Every structure is written in structure tokens, then in C-alpha cells.
Amino acid sequence: QVQLAESGGGLVQAGGSLGLSCAASGSSFVLMGWYRQAPGKQRELVATVTRGGSTNYADSVKGRFTISRDSAKNTVSLQMNSLKPEDTAVYYCNAVSYINRAYWGQGTQVTVSS
């Protein structure tokens, strides 16, 4: 059974930093990443990283967020710097298996105050 366990998040002032971590179990994953969903908006991609280390970022977070992955431990992390109020959202860990099945974490709240 695949499980994704997220940690981190919380409340921070604008300009501050937060880190998110996700530990996956039950499978190996070709792609891992983070998505977010703000109130009243659709879920959107934040960043992804392949097993080989190739990364992809949403334009809105480029230069501020850094995604990293430890494939041996099946973990993915997101370091968020220079946070803005518009980064406020529930952040979800995502993992895609080699048979192209997607799994989601339960979500963790990130709130950036102005």
C-alpha cells in the first residue's frame, strides 16, 4: 500500500522561509513533486523532480523554491524562500509510479502573512 506522509508547513511572515518534506512508501516512483491549492482555485503544479534529478518549476516559484529528492529514501523536499502572501495554500505531495499511477499526500497548510 502506497503512503505519502508530509511534514512541515505552518505560518510565516512574507519574506520568510519554510520547508516541506514528504516520505513515500510502498513503491518506487519515477516522478515526485509538490502541488498546491489555494481557496477557490484549482490545484496547480509547484515543482517536480524525476528519479534522475531533473526538475521542473512553476514560473511563479522559480528562483524562490528548491525541490530536492533522495531516491534511496523515497523522500522529496521543498525549500521555500522569499515567501509571498500569494503562496498561501494547501501543499500536496505527489508521486507517480512506474506504471503511471499517481498518489497524493493528505496536504499541509502553508500560510504567509503580509
Protein backbone atom coordinates (compact mmCIF):
# COMPACT_ATOMS: atom_id res chain seq x y z
CA GLN A 1 0.00 0.00 0.00
CA VAL A 2 1.42 3.34 -1.04
CA GLN A 3 1.53 6.08 1.56
CA LEU A 4 2.81 9.63 1.39
CA ALA A 5 3.50 11.34 4.69
CA GLU A 6 4.01 15.10 4.62
CA SER A 7 5.58 17.28 7.26
CA GLY A 8 6.41 20.94 7.58
CA GLY A 9 4.35 23.93 6.64
CA GLY A 10 2.81 26.42 9.01
CA LEU A 11 2.57 30.17 9.35
CA VAL A 12 5.30 32.58 8.27
CA GLN A 13 5.60 36.26 7.51
CA ALA A 14 6.14 37.47 3.97
CA GLY A 15 9.78 37.21 3.02
CA GLY A 16 10.33 34.25 5.31
CA SER A 17 11.17 30.63 4.63
CA LEU A 18 9.57 27.26 5.21
CA GLY A 19 10.43 23.69 4.34
CA LEU A 20 8.19 20.79 3.42
CA SER A 21 9.10 17.11 3.42
CA CYS A 22 7.34 14.03 2.11
CA ALA A 23 8.24 10.43 2.84
CA ALA A 24 6.81 7.85 0.46
CA SER A 25 6.49 4.14 1.00
CA GLY A 26 5.07 1.13 -0.79
CA SER A 27 6.52 1.65 -4.26
CA SER A 28 9.23 3.24 -6.33
CA PHE A 29 8.40 6.44 -8.13
CA VAL A 30 9.51 7.84 -11.45
CA LEU A 31 8.37 11.34 -10.52
CA MET A 32 7.79 13.13 -7.23
CA GLY A 33 6.71 16.65 -6.58
CA TRP A 34 4.54 19.25 -4.92
CA TYR A 35 1.26 20.83 -5.91
CA ARG A 36 -0.78 23.46 -4.13
CA GLN A 37 -4.36 24.58 -3.94
CA ALA A 38 -5.45 27.98 -2.71
CA PRO A 39 -9.04 28.64 -1.61
CA GLY A 40 -11.33 28.93 -4.60
CA LYS A 41 -8.61 27.93 -7.04
CA GLN A 42 -7.63 24.77 -8.87
CA ARG A 43 -4.75 22.64 -7.73
CA GLU A 44 -1.56 23.70 -9.51
CA LEU A 45 1.90 22.33 -10.00
CA VAL A 46 4.63 23.85 -7.84
CA ALA A 47 7.66 21.70 -8.65
CA THR A 48 8.57 18.18 -9.70
CA VAL A 49 11.75 16.13 -9.76
CA THR A 50 12.45 12.91 -11.65
CA ARG A 51 14.31 9.94 -10.25
CA GLY A 52 17.27 11.15 -12.29
CA GLY A 53 17.17 14.58 -10.69
CA SER A 54 15.63 16.67 -13.45
CA THR A 55 13.49 19.44 -12.01
CA ASN A 56 10.56 21.49 -13.21
CA TYR A 57 9.15 24.59 -11.50
CA ALA A 58 6.11 26.76 -11.91
CA ASP A 59 7.13 30.19 -13.16
CA SER A 60 5.69 31.77 -10.03
CA VAL A 61 8.18 29.99 -7.75
CA LYS A 62 11.32 29.89 -9.89
CA GLY A 63 14.29 31.32 -8.05
CA ARG A 64 12.50 31.13 -4.69
CA PHE A 65 11.67 27.44 -4.21
CA THR A 66 14.02 24.47 -4.45
CA ILE A 67 12.89 20.87 -4.77
CA SER A 68 15.16 18.00 -3.83
CA ARG A 69 14.82 14.26 -3.72
CA ASP A 70 16.50 11.32 -2.05
CA SER A 71 15.54 8.38 -4.23
CA ALA A 72 17.18 5.86 -1.91
CA LYS A 73 14.98 7.03 0.97
CA ASN A 74 11.94 7.81 -1.22
CA THR A 75 11.70 11.34 0.10
CA VAL A 76 11.09 14.68 -1.58
CA SER A 77 11.54 18.09 0.00
CA LEU A 78 10.61 21.63 -0.93
CA GLN A 79 12.56 24.59 0.44
CA MET A 80 10.52 27.76 0.09
CA ASN A 81 12.28 31.11 0.43
CA SER A 82 11.12 34.69 -0.05
CA LEU A 83 7.56 33.60 0.58
CA LYS A 84 4.71 35.81 -0.56
CA PRO A 85 1.10 36.01 0.63
CA GLU A 86 0.05 34.52 -2.72
CA ASP A 87 1.97 31.36 -1.81
CA THR A 88 -0.67 30.67 0.82
CA ALA A 89 -2.28 27.32 0.01
CA VAL A 90 -2.57 23.70 0.97
CA TYR A 91 0.50 21.95 -0.39
CA TYR A 92 0.22 18.36 -1.56
CA CYS A 93 2.96 15.82 -2.10
CA ASN A 94 2.59 13.85 -5.32
CA ALA A 95 4.30 10.70 -6.52
CA VAL A 96 3.93 8.86 -9.83
CA SER A 97 4.79 5.18 -10.07
CA TYR A 98 6.44 3.39 -12.99
CA ILE A 99 3.01 2.21 -14.15
CA ASN A 100 1.91 5.86 -14.29
CA ARG A 101 -0.32 5.77 -11.24
CA ALA A 102 -0.43 8.97 -9.20
CA TYR A 103 -0.59 9.16 -5.42
CA TRP A 104 -1.27 12.13 -3.16
CA GLY A 105 -0.46 13.11 0.38
CA GLN A 106 -3.09 14.48 2.72
CA GLY A 107 -1.92 18.07 2.30
CA THR A 108 -0.26 20.55 4.62
CA GLN A 109 -1.23 24.18 5.11
CA VAL A 110 1.19 26.99 4.31
CA THR A 111 0.07 30.46 5.32
CA VAL A 112 2.08 33.58 4.50
CA SER A 113 1.02 36.74 6.29
CA SER A 114 1.63 40.17 4.83
